[in-house]
Amino acid sequence: GDHLIFDVFLDQPDQYTFLTLDLAFADAYSYIPFFSFLDHILITNDALDEYGQGTTEVLALEGMVDNYRDVSDHRPVRAAFELP
């Protein structure tokens, strides 16, 4: 498939979850120059069971920080969870 590097994880959905897949399929992007999603967050399903889905988002810092593009061409991706 198109995601060969991730297939080892995608082929084991009972073990791993990409928290960022929904964002990528919704046309969010983390790599600014090409509007593509390169920066994923992968967790084990054990962690997902313990901490829940939480929230995952892409931070569009180029719109918040002056000259951000001089610092990075990637947007940070953040996942937050409620602690049990």
N, C-alpha and C. Protein backbone atom coordinates (compact mmCIF):
# COMPACT_ATOMS: atom_id res chain seq x y z
N GLY A 1 0.81 -1.19 0.00
CA GLY A 1 0.00 0.00 0.00
C GLY A 1 0.85 1.26 0.00
N ASP A 2 0.20 2.38 0.12
CA ASP A 2 0.89 3.68 0.12
C ASP A 2 1.63 3.94 1.42
N HIS A 3 1.36 3.18 2.46
CA HIS A 3 1.92 3.44 3.78
C HIS A 3 2.88 2.34 4.19
N LEU A 4 3.72 1.85 3.28
CA LEU A 4 4.55 0.68 3.53
C LEU A 4 5.33 0.76 4.84
N ILE A 5 5.84 1.93 5.16
CA ILE A 5 6.64 2.07 6.37
C ILE A 5 5.80 1.83 7.63
N PHE A 6 4.50 2.08 7.54
CA PHE A 6 3.61 1.91 8.70
C PHE A 6 2.88 0.57 8.70
N ASP A 7 3.02 -0.21 7.64
CA ASP A 7 2.24 -1.45 7.52
C ASP A 7 2.44 -2.39 8.69
N VAL A 8 3.64 -2.45 9.25
CA VAL A 8 3.88 -3.34 10.39
C VAL A 8 2.94 -3.01 11.55
N PHE A 9 2.57 -1.74 11.69
CA PHE A 9 1.64 -1.32 12.74
C PHE A 9 0.19 -1.41 12.27
N LEU A 10 -0.08 -0.97 11.04
CA LEU A 10 -1.44 -1.00 10.51
C LEU A 10 -1.96 -2.43 10.39
N ASP A 11 -1.05 -3.38 10.18
CA ASP A 11 -1.44 -4.78 10.07
C ASP A 11 -1.73 -5.42 11.42
N GLN A 12 -1.55 -4.67 12.52
CA GLN A 12 -1.81 -5.19 13.86
C GLN A 12 -2.74 -4.25 14.63
N PRO A 13 -3.96 -4.05 14.11
CA PRO A 13 -4.87 -3.10 14.78
C PRO A 13 -5.26 -3.52 16.19
N ASP A 14 -5.04 -4.78 16.55
CA ASP A 14 -5.34 -5.21 17.91
C ASP A 14 -4.23 -4.79 18.88
N GLN A 15 -3.10 -4.32 18.34
CA GLN A 15 -1.95 -3.92 19.16
C GLN A 15 -1.67 -2.42 19.14
N TYR A 16 -1.92 -1.76 17.98
CA TYR A 16 -1.50 -0.37 17.79
C TYR A 16 -2.61 0.49 17.21
N THR A 17 -2.59 1.77 17.57
CA THR A 17 -3.52 2.76 17.03
C THR A 17 -2.76 4.02 16.68
N PHE A 18 -2.99 4.53 15.47
CA PHE A 18 -2.48 5.85 15.09
C PHE A 18 -3.53 6.88 15.47
N LEU A 19 -3.22 7.71 16.43
CA LEU A 19 -4.16 8.75 16.86
C LEU A 19 -4.36 9.81 15.79
N THR A 20 -3.47 9.87 14.84
CA THR A 20 -3.49 10.92 13.83
C THR A 20 -4.16 10.52 12.52
N LEU A 21 -4.60 9.29 12.38
CA LEU A 21 -5.18 8.86 11.10
C LEU A 21 -6.40 9.68 10.71
N ASP A 22 -7.30 9.92 11.66
CA ASP A 22 -8.49 10.71 11.33
C ASP A 22 -8.12 12.11 10.85
N LEU A 23 -7.12 12.71 11.46
CA LEU A 23 -6.66 14.03 11.02
C LEU A 23 -6.12 13.97 9.60
N ALA A 24 -5.30 12.97 9.33
CA ALA A 24 -4.72 12.83 7.98
C ALA A 24 -5.80 12.63 6.93
N PHE A 25 -6.81 11.81 7.25
CA PHE A 25 -7.90 11.57 6.30
C PHE A 25 -8.82 12.78 6.17
N ALA A 26 -8.77 13.69 7.13
CA ALA A 26 -9.59 14.91 7.08
C ALA A 26 -8.83 16.06 6.43
N ASP A 27 -7.72 15.75 5.77
CA ASP A 27 -6.90 16.72 5.04
C ASP A 27 -6.18 17.71 5.94
N ALA A 28 -6.00 17.38 7.22
CA ALA A 28 -5.10 18.19 8.04
C ALA A 28 -3.68 17.92 7.54
N TYR A 29 -2.75 18.80 7.87
CA TYR A 29 -1.38 18.56 7.43
C TYR A 29 -0.40 19.01 8.49
N SER A 30 0.73 18.31 8.56
CA SER A 30 1.78 18.66 9.51
C SER A 30 3.05 19.14 8.81
N TYR A 31 3.16 18.86 7.51
CA TYR A 31 4.33 19.31 6.74
C TYR A 31 3.87 20.45 5.85
N ILE A 32 4.23 21.66 6.24
CA ILE A 32 3.66 22.87 5.66
C ILE A 32 3.92 23.01 4.14
N PRO A 33 5.15 22.80 3.65
CA PRO A 33 5.39 23.09 2.24
C PRO A 33 4.53 22.28 1.27
N PHE A 34 4.19 21.05 1.62
CA PHE A 34 3.48 20.19 0.69
C PHE A 34 2.10 19.79 1.19
N PHE A 35 1.63 20.45 2.25
CA PHE A 35 0.29 20.18 2.79
C PHE A 35 0.07 18.67 2.97
N SER A 36 1.07 18.00 3.51
CA SER A 36 0.97 16.56 3.73
C SER A 36 1.11 16.24 5.22
N PHE A 37 0.72 15.04 5.57
CA PHE A 37 0.75 14.65 6.97
C PHE A 37 1.90 13.68 7.18
N LEU A 38 2.99 14.15 7.79
CA LEU A 38 4.17 13.32 8.02
C LEU A 38 4.37 12.95 9.48
N ASP A 39 3.83 13.72 10.40
CA ASP A 39 4.14 13.59 11.82
C ASP A 39 3.00 12.92 12.56
N HIS A 40 3.12 11.61 12.72
CA HIS A 40 2.05 10.83 13.31
C HIS A 40 2.32 10.50 14.77
N ILE A 41 1.25 10.19 15.48
CA ILE A 41 1.35 9.71 16.86
C ILE A 41 0.78 8.30 16.88
N LEU A 42 1.62 7.35 17.29
CA LEU A 42 1.25 5.95 17.38
C LEU A 42 1.29 5.54 18.85
N ILE A 43 0.26 4.84 19.31
CA ILE A 43 0.26 4.33 20.69
C ILE A 43 -0.13 2.86 20.68
N THR A 44 0.21 2.18 21.74
CA THR A 44 -0.25 0.81 21.89
C THR A 44 -1.70 0.83 22.36
N ASN A 45 -2.41 -0.22 22.07
CA ASN A 45 -3.79 -0.30 22.52
C ASN A 45 -3.89 -0.47 24.02
N ASP A 46 -2.82 -0.98 24.66
CA ASP A 46 -2.80 -1.01 26.13
C ASP A 46 -2.86 0.41 26.69
N ALA A 47 -2.10 1.33 26.09
CA ALA A 47 -2.14 2.73 26.52
C ALA A 47 -3.50 3.34 26.22
N LEU A 48 -4.06 3.01 25.06
CA LEU A 48 -5.37 3.52 24.69
C LEU A 48 -6.42 3.05 25.69
N ASP A 49 -6.34 1.79 26.11
CA ASP A 49 -7.28 1.26 27.10
C ASP A 49 -7.13 1.97 28.43
N GLU A 50 -5.90 2.30 28.80
CA GLU A 50 -5.66 2.92 30.11
C GLU A 50 -6.00 4.41 30.13
N TYR A 51 -5.67 5.13 29.05
CA TYR A 51 -5.82 6.59 29.05
C TYR A 51 -6.98 7.10 28.21
N GLY A 52 -7.60 6.24 27.41
CA GLY A 52 -8.69 6.68 26.56
C GLY A 52 -8.19 7.33 25.29
N GLN A 53 -9.12 7.73 24.45
CA GLN A 53 -8.79 8.31 23.15
C GLN A 53 -8.10 9.67 23.28
N GLY A 54 -8.46 10.43 24.29
CA GLY A 54 -7.89 11.77 24.45
C GLY A 54 -8.25 12.66 23.28
N THR A 55 -7.45 13.68 23.08
CA THR A 55 -7.63 14.57 21.93
C THR A 55 -6.29 14.70 21.21
N THR A 56 -6.36 14.71 19.90
CA THR A 56 -5.17 14.85 19.07
C THR A 56 -5.41 16.00 18.12
N GLU A 57 -4.42 16.86 17.98
CA GLU A 57 -4.58 18.02 17.12
C GLU A 57 -3.26 18.43 16.50
N VAL A 58 -3.36 19.15 15.39
CA VAL A 58 -2.21 19.76 14.74
C VAL A 58 -2.23 21.23 15.13
N LEU A 59 -1.11 21.74 15.58
CA LEU A 59 -1.01 23.14 15.99
C LEU A 59 -0.48 23.97 14.83
N ALA A 60 -1.30 24.85 14.30
CA ALA A 60 -0.93 25.68 13.16
C ALA A 60 -0.12 26.89 13.64
N LEU A 61 1.09 26.62 14.10
CA LEU A 61 1.91 27.68 14.70
C LEU A 61 2.33 28.75 13.72
N GLU A 62 2.35 28.43 12.43
CA GLU A 62 2.74 29.47 11.47
C GLU A 62 1.75 30.62 11.45
N GLY A 63 0.54 30.40 11.94
CA GLY A 63 -0.44 31.46 12.03
C GLY A 63 -0.45 32.15 13.39
N MET A 64 0.35 31.64 14.34
CA MET A 64 0.37 32.19 15.70
C MET A 64 1.71 32.78 16.11
N VAL A 65 2.78 32.32 15.50
CA VAL A 65 4.13 32.73 15.90
C VAL A 65 4.79 33.45 14.72
N ASP A 66 5.21 34.68 14.95
CA ASP A 66 5.88 35.43 13.90
C ASP A 66 7.11 34.67 13.40
N ASN A 67 7.28 34.65 12.09
CA ASN A 67 8.44 34.02 11.45
C ASN A 67 8.60 32.55 11.79
N TYR A 68 7.49 31.87 12.10
CA TYR A 68 7.57 30.45 12.44
C TYR A 68 8.24 29.64 11.33
N ARG A 69 7.98 30.00 10.09
CA ARG A 69 8.57 29.25 8.96
C ARG A 69 10.09 29.37 8.93
N ASP A 70 10.66 30.33 9.63
CA ASP A 70 12.12 30.42 9.75
C ASP A 70 12.65 29.40 10.76
N VAL A 71 11.75 28.88 11.60
CA VAL A 71 12.12 27.93 12.64
C VAL A 71 11.88 26.50 12.17
N SER A 72 10.74 26.25 11.53
CA SER A 72 10.38 24.89 11.15
C SER A 72 9.42 24.89 9.97
N ASP A 73 9.45 23.80 9.22
CA ASP A 73 8.47 23.61 8.15
C ASP A 73 7.46 22.53 8.54
N HIS A 74 7.46 22.16 9.81
CA HIS A 74 6.50 21.19 10.34
C HIS A 74 5.62 21.85 11.40
N ARG A 75 4.37 21.44 11.42
CA ARG A 75 3.47 21.83 12.49
C ARG A 75 3.55 20.77 13.58
N PRO A 76 3.60 21.17 14.85
CA PRO A 76 3.58 20.17 15.91
C PRO A 76 2.25 19.43 15.95
N VAL A 77 2.31 18.17 16.32
CA VAL A 77 1.12 17.35 16.53
C VAL A 77 1.10 16.98 18.01
N ARG A 78 -0.05 17.20 18.64
CA ARG A 78 -0.13 17.00 20.09
C ARG A 78 -1.31 16.07 20.43
N ALA A 79 -1.04 15.17 21.37
CA ALA A 79 -2.10 14.33 21.94
C ALA A 79 -2.15 14.62 23.43
N ALA A 80 -3.36 14.75 23.96
CA ALA A 80 -3.55 15.02 25.40
C ALA A 80 -4.54 14.00 25.95
N PHE A 81 -4.28 13.56 27.17
CA PHE A 81 -5.11 12.55 27.81
C PHE A 81 -5.47 12.97 29.22
N GLU A 82 -6.62 12.55 29.68
CA GLU A 82 -7.00 12.73 31.08
C GLU A 82 -6.30 11.64 31.88
N LEU A 83 -5.65 11.99 32.96
CA LEU A 83 -5.00 11.00 33.78
C LEU A 83 -6.04 10.30 34.65
N PRO A 84 -5.89 8.97 34.78
CA PRO A 84 -6.88 8.23 35.59
C PRO A 84 -6.77 8.56 37.06
